[in-house]
Amino acid sequence: MNILDYSILLGKALNKSNAGKKIKEVYHELSNKYNDEKSAIKKMYQNYNHCVENECSRNHFYGWIIAYEKFLNYLEKNIQNKDNSFVDTAKLLKENEEFKNMADISKQMGAIVELIFDSVIRAKYDEECILELFKVFKVKNAIKDLQIAIERSGIKMYMINNASLLADSDSTQYERIARENNYIPYMGRKKPEMFASGLNSFTIDLIDRILFIKYMVLLGVFNGFWNITIELSVEDILEEKINSNDLISKGFISHKRIENELINPEAWLYKIIDNADYYYFLANERNLNFGENQGKCDVSGLIYPKEDIGLYEKEVLTEIKIQ
């Protein structure tokens, strides 16, 4: 099992915690109320929900707060020829407190998961929120298991051996700007400008490893919490281009289970299963094609190895070519 496996298990455990129960309660109340409304309001809710799904695909639990703020900011901006459907949706959100409640609780849940990650990396659980979560036996075990998985990956020792680089002010600035730009290492997105200033490639690589692991943990927890990981069997795969190695590598799959994409459009994590074997696929881009007889979905992204013990201590972490 790897970091993603244990992150998903942590998400499932958090689903049963008090914080998890609260966000589910607010979410289902909101969904049930506005999906049962008359068509015009239901359409506005669907506009909002589409924006949430898009934001959750990259920002996980923060998706609701980001979508909420986007709509309200749009309403306040002085823009000519505003999109009426967007304006109407923004007014719906502004006039109904339950949307703000959902935004607030999603922000709280996102902060909890980030705090868990920071505590796991430090192996220090002294925050009041973490101590409260530890009262739930399954959550405590899941957090400890994730800590062991991360330590086995080698990143902790890699960080210790290069602690002086992480303490550098340029490193701190690099990490801050990466977060502000929602930059995810290895996912094929271009780094924002400035990134190379004052930093050598080794330092950038070190921080990228940490940022990528954090992204995976948040992704896994979110998918595990909502149980939305898209599972495909090898029989579902129409075409694949992957590297057979023990590194993180770029890849491509095309599959026929497009109904899975429609049910959970915010799910960008795939588990490809071949009997007792499997690998994870972290999507970066995908394209749905609806044919007359059989549709398909083309997905580009990263293959994550089933076993990641010692992976982050390796000099070379990624294989960028699709063979």
C-alpha atoms as a PDB file:
ATOM      1  CA  MET A   1       0.000   0.000   0.000  1.00  0.00           C
ATOM      2  CA  ASN A   2       1.126   3.561  -0.682  1.00  0.00           C
ATOM      3  CA  ILE A   3       0.451   7.124   0.479  1.00  0.00           C
ATOM      4  CA  LEU A   4      -2.723   7.354  -1.616  1.00  0.00           C
ATOM      5  CA  ASP A   5      -4.103   4.126  -0.128  1.00  0.00           C
ATOM      6  CA  TYR A   6      -3.650   5.382   3.410  1.00  0.00           C
ATOM      7  CA  SER A   7      -4.963   8.858   2.545  1.00  0.00           C
ATOM      8  CA  ILE A   8      -8.159   7.301   1.199  1.00  0.00           C
ATOM      9  CA  LEU A   9      -8.522   5.227   4.372  1.00  0.00           C
ATOM     10  CA  LEU A  10      -8.064   8.385   6.441  1.00  0.00           C
ATOM     11  CA  GLY A  11     -10.831  10.065   4.437  1.00  0.00           C
ATOM     12  CA  LYS A  12     -13.169   7.155   5.160  1.00  0.00           C
ATOM     13  CA  ALA A  13     -12.347   7.405   8.876  1.00  0.00           C
ATOM     14  CA  LEU A  14     -12.907  11.194   8.935  1.00  0.00           C
ATOM     15  CA  ASN A  15     -16.308  10.567   7.374  1.00  0.00           C
ATOM     16  CA  LYS A  16     -17.373   9.127  10.752  1.00  0.00           C
ATOM     17  CA  SER A  17     -15.904  11.939  12.888  1.00  0.00           C
ATOM     18  CA  ASN A  18     -17.986  14.799  14.313  1.00  0.00           C
ATOM     19  CA  ALA A  19     -16.475  17.237  11.800  1.00  0.00           C
ATOM     20  CA  GLY A  20     -17.222  14.795   8.980  1.00  0.00           C
ATOM     21  CA  LYS A  21     -20.806  14.270  10.093  1.00  0.00           C
ATOM     22  CA  LYS A  22     -21.361  18.024  10.253  1.00  0.00           C
ATOM     23  CA  ILE A  23     -20.196  18.782   6.716  1.00  0.00           C
ATOM     24  CA  LYS A  24     -22.236  15.861   5.355  1.00  0.00           C
ATOM     25  CA  GLU A  25     -25.328  17.098   7.194  1.00  0.00           C
ATOM     26  CA  VAL A  26     -25.034  20.631   5.808  1.00  0.00           C
ATOM     27  CA  TYR A  27     -24.216  19.353   2.314  1.00  0.00           C
ATOM     28  CA  HIS A  28     -27.188  16.963   2.133  1.00  0.00           C
ATOM     29  CA  GLU A  29     -29.611  19.567   3.535  1.00  0.00           C
ATOM     30  CA  LEU A  30     -28.485  22.034   0.866  1.00  0.00           C
ATOM     31  CA  SER A  31     -28.629  19.468  -1.922  1.00  0.00           C
ATOM     32  CA  ASN A  32     -32.037  18.114  -0.922  1.00  0.00           C
ATOM     33  CA  LYS A  33     -33.572  21.560  -0.584  1.00  0.00           C
ATOM     34  CA  TYR A  34     -32.440  23.072  -3.875  1.00  0.00           C
ATOM     35  CA  ASN A  35     -32.745  19.990  -6.037  1.00  0.00           C
ATOM     36  CA  ASP A  36     -36.420  19.910  -5.047  1.00  0.00           C
ATOM     37  CA  GLU A  37     -37.040  23.577  -5.842  1.00  0.00           C
ATOM     38  CA  LYS A  38     -38.838  24.852  -8.934  1.00  0.00           C
ATOM     39  CA  SER A  39     -36.945  24.663 -12.194  1.00  0.00           C
ATOM     40  CA  ALA A  40     -35.522  28.223 -12.235  1.00  0.00           C
ATOM     41  CA  ILE A  41     -33.971  27.967  -8.778  1.00  0.00           C
ATOM     42  CA  LYS A  42     -32.867  24.404  -9.426  1.00  0.00           C
ATOM     43  CA  LYS A  43     -31.027  25.653 -12.510  1.00  0.00           C
ATOM     44  CA  MET A  44     -29.223  28.268 -10.417  1.00  0.00           C
ATOM     45  CA  TYR A  45     -28.242  25.601  -7.901  1.00  0.00           C
ATOM     46  CA  GLN A  46     -26.910  23.450 -10.717  1.00  0.00           C
ATOM     47  CA  ASN A  47     -24.785  26.397 -11.914  1.00  0.00           C
ATOM     48  CA  TYR A  48     -23.400  26.752  -8.406  1.00  0.00           C
ATOM     49  CA  ASN A  49     -22.851  23.025  -8.052  1.00  0.00           C
ATOM     50  CA  HIS A  50     -21.012  22.837 -11.378  1.00  0.00           C
ATOM     51  CA  CYS A  51     -18.616  25.523 -10.153  1.00  0.00           C
ATOM     52  CA  VAL A  52     -18.158  23.638  -6.861  1.00  0.00           C
ATOM     53  CA  GLU A  53     -17.355  20.396  -8.702  1.00  0.00           C
ATOM     54  CA  ASN A  54     -14.772  22.180 -10.819  1.00  0.00           C
ATOM     55  CA  GLU A  55     -13.102  23.744  -7.774  1.00  0.00           C
ATOM     56  CA  CYS A  56     -13.212  20.525  -5.732  1.00  0.00           C
ATOM     57  CA  SER A  57     -11.311  18.731  -8.496  1.00  0.00           C
ATOM     58  CA  ARG A  58      -8.221  20.771  -7.591  1.00  0.00           C
ATOM     59  CA  ASN A  59      -8.979  22.302  -4.186  1.00  0.00           C
ATOM     60  CA  HIS A  60     -10.824  19.429  -2.503  1.00  0.00           C
ATOM     61  CA  PHE A  61     -12.788  20.536   0.602  1.00  0.00           C
ATOM     62  CA  TYR A  62     -12.091  24.186  -0.180  1.00  0.00           C
ATOM     63  CA  GLY A  63     -14.146  23.855  -3.370  1.00  0.00           C
ATOM     64  CA  TRP A  64     -17.321  25.172  -1.747  1.00  0.00           C
ATOM     65  CA  ILE A  65     -15.750  28.266  -0.172  1.00  0.00           C
ATOM     66  CA  ILE A  66     -13.874  29.118  -3.389  1.00  0.00           C
ATOM     67  CA  ALA A  67     -17.016  28.758  -5.534  1.00  0.00           C
ATOM     68  CA  TYR A  68     -19.063  30.816  -3.072  1.00  0.00           C
ATOM     69  CA  GLU A  69     -16.548  33.661  -3.060  1.00  0.00           C
ATOM     70  CA  LYS A  70     -16.242  33.600  -6.852  1.00  0.00           C
ATOM     71  CA  PHE A  71     -19.985  34.135  -7.280  1.00  0.00           C
ATOM     72  CA  LEU A  72     -20.180  36.918  -4.701  1.00  0.00           C
ATOM     73  CA  ASN A  73     -17.097  38.663  -6.059  1.00  0.00           C
ATOM     74  CA  TYR A  74     -18.594  38.558  -9.550  1.00  0.00           C
ATOM     75  CA  LEU A  75     -21.735  40.191  -8.224  1.00  0.00           C
ATOM     76  CA  GLU A  76     -19.749  43.075  -6.733  1.00  0.00           C
ATOM     77  CA  LYS A  77     -17.511  43.683  -9.751  1.00  0.00           C
ATOM     78  CA  ASN A  78     -18.248  46.567 -12.096  1.00  0.00           C
ATOM     79  CA  ILE A  79     -18.505  44.579 -15.336  1.00  0.00           C
ATOM     80  CA  GLN A  80     -20.542  45.515 -18.381  1.00  0.00           C
ATOM     81  CA  ASN A  81     -22.786  42.872 -19.935  1.00  0.00           C
ATOM     82  CA  LYS A  82     -22.608  40.482 -17.024  1.00  0.00           C
ATOM     83  CA  ASP A  83     -23.765  36.910 -17.512  1.00  0.00           C
ATOM     84  CA  ASN A  84     -27.369  36.981 -16.223  1.00  0.00           C
ATOM     85  CA  SER A  85     -27.380  33.334 -15.157  1.00  0.00           C
ATOM     86  CA  PHE A  86     -24.202  33.917 -13.149  1.00  0.00           C
ATOM     87  CA  VAL A  87     -25.690  37.054 -11.561  1.00  0.00           C
ATOM     88  CA  ASP A  88     -28.937  35.266 -10.663  1.00  0.00           C
ATOM     89  CA  THR A  89     -26.996  32.392  -9.119  1.00  0.00           C
ATOM     90  CA  ALA A  90     -24.823  34.815  -7.151  1.00  0.00           C
ATOM     91  CA  LYS A  91     -27.932  36.552  -5.791  1.00  0.00           C
ATOM     92  CA  LEU A  92     -29.369  33.188  -4.731  1.00  0.00           C
ATOM     93  CA  LEU A  93     -26.189  32.432  -2.795  1.00  0.00           C
ATOM     94  CA  LYS A  94     -26.046  35.877  -1.201  1.00  0.00           C
ATOM     95  CA  GLU A  95     -29.669  35.817  -0.075  1.00  0.00           C
ATOM     96  CA  ASN A  96     -29.649  32.333   1.468  1.00  0.00           C
ATOM     97  CA  GLU A  97     -27.561  31.701   4.570  1.00  0.00           C
ATOM     98  CA  GLU A  98     -27.196  27.960   3.995  1.00  0.00           C
ATOM     99  CA  PHE A  99     -24.759  28.585   1.113  1.00  0.00           C
ATOM    100  CA  LYS A 100     -22.528  30.602   3.439  1.00  0.00           C
ATOM    101  CA  ASN A 101     -22.813  27.837   6.035  1.00  0.00           C
ATOM    102  CA  MET A 102     -21.629  25.304   3.460  1.00  0.00           C
ATOM    103  CA  ALA A 103     -18.766  27.585   2.463  1.00  0.00           C
ATOM    104  CA  ASP A 104     -17.712  28.106   6.078  1.00  0.00           C
ATOM    105  CA  ILE A 105     -17.796  24.445   7.028  1.00  0.00           C
ATOM    106  CA  SER A 106     -15.921  23.428   3.881  1.00  0.00           C
ATOM    107  CA  LYS A 107     -13.205  25.930   4.803  1.00  0.00           C
ATOM    108  CA  GLN A 108     -13.041  24.443   8.298  1.00  0.00           C
ATOM    109  CA  MET A 109     -12.812  20.889   6.945  1.00  0.00           C
ATOM    110  CA  GLY A 110     -10.122  21.870   4.466  1.00  0.00           C
ATOM    111  CA  ALA A 111      -8.116  23.461   7.272  1.00  0.00           C
ATOM    112  CA  ILE A 112      -8.497  20.313   9.392  1.00  0.00           C
ATOM    113  CA  VAL A 113      -7.094  18.090   6.645  1.00  0.00           C
ATOM    114  CA  GLU A 114      -4.196  20.478   6.003  1.00  0.00           C
ATOM    115  CA  LEU A 115      -3.469  20.528   9.722  1.00  0.00           C
ATOM    116  CA  ILE A 116      -3.460  16.739   9.755  1.00  0.00           C
ATOM    117  CA  PHE A 117      -0.914  16.710   6.935  1.00  0.00           C
ATOM    118  CA  ASP A 118       1.325  19.251   8.680  1.00  0.00           C
ATOM    119  CA  SER A 119       1.101  17.239  11.915  1.00  0.00           C
ATOM    120  CA  VAL A 120       1.939  14.004  10.089  1.00  0.00           C
ATOM    121  CA  ILE A 121       4.989  15.576   8.439  1.00  0.00           C
ATOM    122  CA  ARG A 122       6.189  16.853  11.819  1.00  0.00           C
ATOM    123  CA  ALA A 123       5.086  13.659  13.606  1.00  0.00           C
ATOM    124  CA  LYS A 124       3.804  15.986  16.298  1.00  0.00           C
ATOM    125  CA  TYR A 125       0.140  15.988  17.294  1.00  0.00           C
ATOM    126  CA  ASP A 126      -0.219  18.815  19.793  1.00  0.00           C
ATOM    127  CA  GLU A 127      -2.946  20.892  18.155  1.00  0.00           C
ATOM    128  CA  GLU A 128      -6.312  20.908  19.958  1.00  0.00           C
ATOM    129  CA  CYS A 129      -8.136  19.916  16.764  1.00  0.00           C
ATOM    130  CA  ILE A 130      -5.898  16.876  16.259  1.00  0.00           C
ATOM    131  CA  LEU A 131      -6.224  15.800  19.885  1.00  0.00           C
ATOM    132  CA  GLU A 132      -9.992  15.958  19.480  1.00  0.00           C
ATOM    133  CA  LEU A 133      -9.840  13.801  16.359  1.00  0.00           C
ATOM    134  CA  PHE A 134      -7.653  11.297  18.193  1.00  0.00           C
ATOM    135  CA  LYS A 135     -10.640  10.513  20.412  1.00  0.00           C
ATOM    136  CA  VAL A 136     -12.037   8.643  17.412  1.00  0.00           C
ATOM    137  CA  PHE A 137     -10.020   5.420  17.438  1.00  0.00           C
ATOM    138  CA  LYS A 138     -10.282   4.774  13.691  1.00  0.00           C
ATOM    139  CA  VAL A 139      -9.202   8.321  12.861  1.00  0.00           C
ATOM    140  CA  LYS A 140      -6.204   8.115  15.187  1.00  0.00           C
ATOM    141  CA  ASN A 141      -5.124   4.803  13.665  1.00  0.00           C
ATOM    142  CA  ALA A 142      -5.606   6.126  10.123  1.00  0.00           C
ATOM    143  CA  ILE A 143      -3.482   9.216  10.852  1.00  0.00           C
ATOM    144  CA  LYS A 144      -0.719   7.122  12.380  1.00  0.00           C
ATOM    145  CA  ASP A 145      -0.818   4.706   9.426  1.00  0.00           C
ATOM    146  CA  LEU A 146      -0.499   7.650   7.024  1.00  0.00           C
ATOM    147  CA  GLN A 147       2.488   8.924   9.002  1.00  0.00           C
ATOM    148  CA  ILE A 148       4.198   5.543   8.648  1.00  0.00           C
ATOM    149  CA  ALA A 149       3.445   5.463   4.899  1.00  0.00           C
ATOM    150  CA  ILE A 150       4.914   8.939   4.399  1.00  0.00           C
ATOM    151  CA  GLU A 151       8.004   8.066   6.431  1.00  0.00           C
ATOM    152  CA  ARG A 152       8.488   4.837   4.445  1.00  0.00           C
ATOM    153  CA  SER A 153       8.338   6.858   1.227  1.00  0.00           C
ATOM    154  CA  GLY A 154      11.622   8.491   2.226  1.00  0.00           C
ATOM    155  CA  ILE A 155      10.465  12.119   2.125  1.00  0.00           C
ATOM    156  CA  LYS A 156      10.972  12.626   5.866  1.00  0.00           C
ATOM    157  CA  MET A 157      14.632  11.591   5.744  1.00  0.00           C
ATOM    158  CA  TYR A 158      15.069  13.599   2.541  1.00  0.00           C
ATOM    159  CA  MET A 159      13.745  16.675   4.374  1.00  0.00           C
ATOM    160  CA  ILE A 160      15.952  16.077   7.421  1.00  0.00           C
ATOM    161  CA  ASN A 161      19.062  15.706   5.281  1.00  0.00           C
ATOM    162  CA  ASN A 162      18.263  18.977   3.505  1.00  0.00           C
ATOM    163  CA  ALA A 163      16.772  20.977   6.372  1.00  0.00           C
ATOM    164  CA  SER A 164      19.019  23.972   5.686  1.00  0.00           C
ATOM    165  CA  LEU A 165      17.570  24.351   2.183  1.00  0.00           C
ATOM    166  CA  LEU A 166      13.996  24.324   3.478  1.00  0.00           C
ATOM    167  CA  ALA A 167      14.824  27.055   6.002  1.00  0.00           C
ATOM    168  CA  ASP A 168      16.084  29.385   3.266  1.00  0.00           C
ATOM    169  CA  SER A 169      13.898  32.458   2.680  1.00  0.00           C
ATOM    170  CA  ASP A 170      13.865  31.873  -1.094  1.00  0.00           C
ATOM    171  CA  SER A 171      12.509  28.354  -0.477  1.00  0.00           C
ATOM    172  CA  THR A 172       9.728  29.764   1.681  1.00  0.00           C
ATOM    173  CA  GLN A 173       8.854  32.275  -1.045  1.00  0.00           C
ATOM    174  CA  TYR A 174       8.844  29.535  -3.688  1.00  0.00           C
ATOM    175  CA  GLU A 175       6.430  27.435  -1.648  1.00  0.00           C
ATOM    176  CA  ARG A 176       4.172  30.424  -0.933  1.00  0.00           C
ATOM    177  CA  ILE A 177       3.905  31.450  -4.590  1.00  0.00           C
ATOM    178  CA  ALA A 178       3.367  27.833  -5.645  1.00  0.00           C
ATOM    179  CA  ARG A 179       0.409  27.599  -3.283  1.00  0.00           C
ATOM    180  CA  GLU A 180      -0.992  30.968  -4.380  1.00  0.00           C
ATOM    181  CA  ASN A 181      -0.877  29.813  -8.010  1.00  0.00           C
ATOM    182  CA  ASN A 182      -2.369  26.415  -7.158  1.00  0.00           C
ATOM    183  CA  TYR A 183       0.681  24.842  -8.770  1.00  0.00           C
ATOM    184  CA  ILE A 184       0.867  21.035  -8.601  1.00  0.00           C
ATOM    185  CA  PRO A 185       4.299  19.581  -9.408  1.00  0.00           C
ATOM    186  CA  TYR A 186       4.645  16.934 -12.137  1.00  0.00           C
ATOM    187  CA  MET A 187       1.080  17.443 -13.389  1.00  0.00           C
ATOM    188  CA  GLY A 188       2.153  19.124 -16.611  1.00  0.00           C
ATOM    189  CA  ARG A 189       1.145  22.640 -15.691  1.00  0.00           C
ATOM    190  CA  LYS A 190       3.682  25.384 -16.332  1.00  0.00           C
ATOM    191  CA  LYS A 191       5.263  26.890 -13.262  1.00  0.00           C
ATOM    192  CA  PRO A 192       4.418  30.561 -12.656  1.00  0.00           C
ATOM    193  CA  GLU A 193       7.116  33.041 -13.708  1.00  0.00           C
ATOM    194  CA  MET A 194       9.613  33.929 -10.910  1.00  0.00           C
ATOM    195  CA  PHE A 195       9.999  30.317  -9.803  1.00  0.00           C
ATOM    196  CA  ALA A 196      13.629  29.866 -10.729  1.00  0.00           C
ATOM    197  CA  SER A 197      14.816  33.154  -9.212  1.00  0.00           C
ATOM    198  CA  GLY A 198      17.479  32.621  -6.597  1.00  0.00           C
ATOM    199  CA  LEU A 199      16.926  28.880  -6.289  1.00  0.00           C
ATOM    200  CA  ASN A 200      18.896  25.966  -7.631  1.00  0.00           C
ATOM    201  CA  SER A 201      17.154  23.018  -9.250  1.00  0.00           C
ATOM    202  CA  PHE A 202      17.827  20.729  -6.267  1.00  0.00           C
ATOM    203  CA  THR A 203      15.975  23.024  -3.864  1.00  0.00           C
ATOM    204  CA  ILE A 204      13.064  23.369  -6.274  1.00  0.00           C
ATOM    205  CA  ASP A 205      12.909  19.590  -6.640  1.00  0.00           C
ATOM    206  CA  LEU A 206      12.882  19.128  -2.859  1.00  0.00           C
ATOM    207  CA  ILE A 207       9.964  21.510  -2.352  1.00  0.00           C
ATOM    208  CA  ASP A 208       8.124  20.018  -5.334  1.00  0.00           C
ATOM    209  CA  ARG A 209       8.293  16.585  -3.693  1.00  0.00           C
ATOM    210  CA  ILE A 210       6.710  17.940  -0.514  1.00  0.00           C
ATOM    211  CA  LEU A 211       4.029  19.884  -2.391  1.00  0.00           C
ATOM    212  CA  PHE A 212       3.172  16.844  -4.477  1.00  0.00           C
ATOM    213  CA  ILE A 213       2.800  14.572  -1.445  1.00  0.00           C
ATOM    214  CA  LYS A 214       0.535  17.141   0.194  1.00  0.00           C
ATOM    215  CA  TYR A 215      -1.575  17.308  -2.963  1.00  0.00           C
ATOM    216  CA  MET A 216      -1.876  13.521  -2.985  1.00  0.00           C
ATOM    217  CA  VAL A 217      -2.868  13.359   0.678  1.00  0.00           C
ATOM    218  CA  LEU A 218      -5.579  16.022   0.250  1.00  0.00           C
ATOM    219  CA  LEU A 219      -6.781  14.320  -2.932  1.00  0.00           C
ATOM    220  CA  GLY A 220      -6.883  10.890  -1.304  1.00  0.00           C
ATOM    221  CA  VAL A 221      -8.627  12.102   1.859  1.00  0.00           C
ATOM    222  CA  PHE A 222     -11.278  13.969  -0.152  1.00  0.00           C
ATOM    223  CA  ASN A 223     -11.922  10.989  -2.422  1.00  0.00           C
ATOM    224  CA  GLY A 224     -12.054   8.606   0.516  1.00  0.00           C
ATOM    225  CA  PHE A 225     -14.373  10.882   2.500  1.00  0.00           C
ATOM    226  CA  TRP A 226     -16.933  11.139  -0.310  1.00  0.00           C
ATOM    227  CA  ASN A 227     -16.171   7.673  -1.733  1.00  0.00           C
ATOM    228  CA  ILE A 228     -15.739   9.017  -5.256  1.00  0.00           C
ATOM    229  CA  THR A 229     -12.530   7.392  -6.508  1.00  0.00           C
ATOM    230  CA  ILE A 230     -13.256   6.075 -10.004  1.00  0.00           C
ATOM    231  CA  GLU A 231     -12.437   2.371 -10.066  1.00  0.00           C
ATOM    232  CA  LEU A 232     -11.879   0.708 -13.432  1.00  0.00           C
ATOM    233  CA  SER A 233     -11.033  -2.854 -14.316  1.00  0.00           C
ATOM    234  CA  VAL A 234      -8.567  -3.639 -17.078  1.00  0.00           C
ATOM    235  CA  GLU A 235     -11.571  -4.765 -19.145  1.00  0.00           C
ATOM    236  CA  ASP A 236     -12.873  -1.173 -19.008  1.00  0.00           C
ATOM    237  CA  ILE A 237      -9.673   0.188 -20.574  1.00  0.00           C
ATOM    238  CA  LEU A 238      -9.834   0.697 -24.334  1.00  0.00           C
ATOM    239  CA  GLU A 239      -6.309   2.055 -24.688  1.00  0.00           C
ATOM    240  CA  GLU A 240      -3.431   2.860 -22.385  1.00  0.00           C
ATOM    241  CA  LYS A 241       0.029   4.315 -22.652  1.00  0.00           C
ATOM    242  CA  ILE A 242       1.957   3.937 -19.430  1.00  0.00           C
ATOM    243  CA  ASN A 243       5.514   3.456 -18.283  1.00  0.00           C
ATOM    244  CA  SER A 244       6.163   0.204 -16.458  1.00  0.00           C
ATOM    245  CA  ASN A 245       8.548   1.372 -13.745  1.00  0.00           C
ATOM    246  CA  ASP A 246       8.637   2.316 -10.103  1.00  0.00           C
ATOM    247  CA  LEU A 247       8.702   6.077 -10.689  1.00  0.00           C
ATOM    248  CA  ILE A 248       5.949   8.649 -11.005  1.00  0.00           C
ATOM    249  CA  SER A 249       5.314   8.773 -14.734  1.00  0.00           C
ATOM    250  CA  LYS A 250       3.111  10.494 -17.261  1.00  0.00           C
ATOM    251  CA  GLY A 251       0.476   8.335 -18.872  1.00  0.00           C
ATOM    252  CA  PHE A 252      -2.720   8.102 -20.882  1.00  0.00           C
ATOM    253  CA  ILE A 253      -5.811   5.905 -20.600  1.00  0.00           C
ATOM    254  CA  SER A 254      -9.028   5.693 -22.557  1.00  0.00           C
ATOM    255  CA  HIS A 255     -11.949   3.892 -20.931  1.00  0.00           C
ATOM    256  CA  LYS A 256     -15.580   3.083 -21.686  1.00  0.00           C
ATOM    257  CA  ARG A 257     -17.158   3.669 -18.261  1.00  0.00           C
ATOM    258  CA  ILE A 258     -18.236   7.239 -18.973  1.00  0.00           C
ATOM    259  CA  GLU A 259     -21.157   6.932 -16.545  1.00  0.00           C
ATOM    260  CA  ASN A 260     -18.595   7.019 -13.733  1.00  0.00           C
ATOM    261  CA  GLU A 261     -17.377  10.369 -15.014  1.00  0.00           C
ATOM    262  CA  LEU A 262     -20.900  11.791 -15.108  1.00  0.00           C
ATOM    263  CA  ILE A 263     -21.795  10.630 -11.589  1.00  0.00           C
ATOM    264  CA  ASN A 264     -18.701  12.109  -9.963  1.00  0.00           C
ATOM    265  CA  PRO A 265     -17.314  14.887 -12.198  1.00  0.00           C
ATOM    266  CA  GLU A 266     -15.201  16.196  -9.293  1.00  0.00           C
ATOM    267  CA  ALA A 267     -13.333  12.871  -9.002  1.00  0.00           C
ATOM    268  CA  TRP A 268      -9.950  13.055 -10.719  1.00  0.00           C
ATOM    269  CA  LEU A 269      -8.405  10.022  -9.068  1.00  0.00           C
ATOM    270  CA  TYR A 270      -8.627   6.603 -10.746  1.00  0.00           C
ATOM    271  CA  LYS A 271      -7.793   3.158  -9.447  1.00  0.00           C
ATOM    272  CA  ILE A 272      -7.090   0.713 -12.249  1.00  0.00           C
ATOM    273  CA  ILE A 273      -7.591  -2.870 -11.038  1.00  0.00           C
ATOM    274  CA  ASP A 274      -6.204  -6.036 -12.602  1.00  0.00           C
ATOM    275  CA  ASN A 275      -7.254  -8.950 -10.368  1.00  0.00           C
ATOM    276  CA  ALA A 276      -5.140  -8.528  -7.201  1.00  0.00           C
ATOM    277  CA  ASP A 277      -2.927  -5.879  -8.781  1.00  0.00           C
ATOM    278  CA  TYR A 278      -3.691  -2.178  -9.279  1.00  0.00           C
ATOM    279  CA  TYR A 279      -2.229   1.260  -9.844  1.00  0.00           C
ATOM    280  CA  TYR A 280      -3.471   4.799  -9.315  1.00  0.00           C
ATOM    281  CA  PHE A 281      -3.938   7.355 -12.072  1.00  0.00           C
ATOM    282  CA  LEU A 282      -4.040  11.048 -11.146  1.00  0.00           C
ATOM    283  CA  ALA A 283      -5.894  12.854 -13.914  1.00  0.00           C
ATOM    284  CA  ASN A 284      -4.783  16.186 -15.276  1.00  0.00           C
ATOM    285  CA  GLU A 285      -6.944  16.433 -18.402  1.00  0.00           C
ATOM    286  CA  ARG A 286      -9.863  14.404 -19.699  1.00  0.00           C
ATOM    287  CA  ASN A 287     -12.216  14.459 -22.626  1.00  0.00           C
ATOM    288  CA  LEU A 288     -15.605  12.765 -22.870  1.00  0.00           C
ATOM    289  CA  ASN A 289     -16.612  11.409 -26.275  1.00  0.00           C
ATOM    290  CA  PHE A 290     -20.180  10.235 -26.783  1.00  0.00           C
ATOM    291  CA  GLY A 291     -20.488   7.801 -29.690  1.00  0.00           C
ATOM    292  CA  GLU A 292     -23.630   6.200 -31.085  1.00  0.00           C
ATOM    293  CA  ASN A 293     -22.866   2.768 -29.680  1.00  0.00           C
ATOM    294  CA  GLN A 294     -20.192   3.284 -27.077  1.00  0.00           C
ATOM    295  CA  GLY A 295     -18.792   6.422 -25.515  1.00  0.00           C
ATOM    296  CA  LYS A 296     -15.317   6.772 -24.110  1.00  0.00           C
ATOM    297  CA  CYS A 297     -13.281   9.048 -21.900  1.00  0.00           C
ATOM    298  CA  ASP A 298      -9.675   9.957 -22.719  1.00  0.00           C
ATOM    299  CA  VAL A 299      -7.626  10.798 -19.646  1.00  0.00           C
ATOM    300  CA  SER A 300      -4.092  12.189 -19.382  1.00  0.00           C
ATOM    301  CA  GLY A 301      -2.215  12.397 -16.123  1.00  0.00           C
ATOM    302  CA  LEU A 302       0.207  10.624 -13.834  1.00  0.00           C
ATOM    303  CA  ILE A 303       0.697   6.972 -12.985  1.00  0.00           C
ATOM    304  CA  TYR A 304       1.510   6.526  -9.309  1.00  0.00           C
ATOM    305  CA  PRO A 305       3.331   3.306  -8.374  1.00  0.00           C
ATOM    306  CA  LYS A 306       1.577   0.761  -6.189  1.00  0.00           C
ATOM    307  CA  GLU A 307       4.563   0.690  -3.849  1.00  0.00           C
ATOM    308  CA  ASP A 308       6.289   3.959  -2.954  1.00  0.00           C
ATOM    309  CA  ILE A 309       8.689   2.780  -0.261  1.00  0.00           C
ATOM    310  CA  GLY A 310      11.850   4.877  -0.631  1.00  0.00           C
ATOM    311  CA  LEU A 311      10.458   6.598  -3.716  1.00  0.00           C
ATOM    312  CA  TYR A 312      11.158  10.158  -2.538  1.00  0.00           C
ATOM    313  CA  GLU A 313      14.775   9.434  -1.624  1.00  0.00           C
ATOM    314  CA  LYS A 314      15.592   8.568  -5.223  1.00  0.00           C
ATOM    315  CA  GLU A 315      17.643  11.026  -7.237  1.00  0.00           C
ATOM    316  CA  VAL A 316      15.231  10.695 -10.144  1.00  0.00           C
ATOM    317  CA  LEU A 317      11.582  10.809  -9.111  1.00  0.00           C
ATOM    318  CA  THR A 318       9.682  11.048 -12.372  1.00  0.00           C
ATOM    319  CA  GLU A 319       9.702   9.545 -15.839  1.00  0.00           C
ATOM    320  CA  ILE A 320       8.274  12.213 -18.115  1.00  0.00           C
ATOM    321  CA  LYS A 321       7.963  10.305 -21.389  1.00  0.00           C
ATOM    322  CA  ILE A 322       5.089   8.089 -22.409  1.00  0.00           C
ATOM    323  CA  GLN A 323       6.561   5.000 -23.992  1.00  0.00           C
END
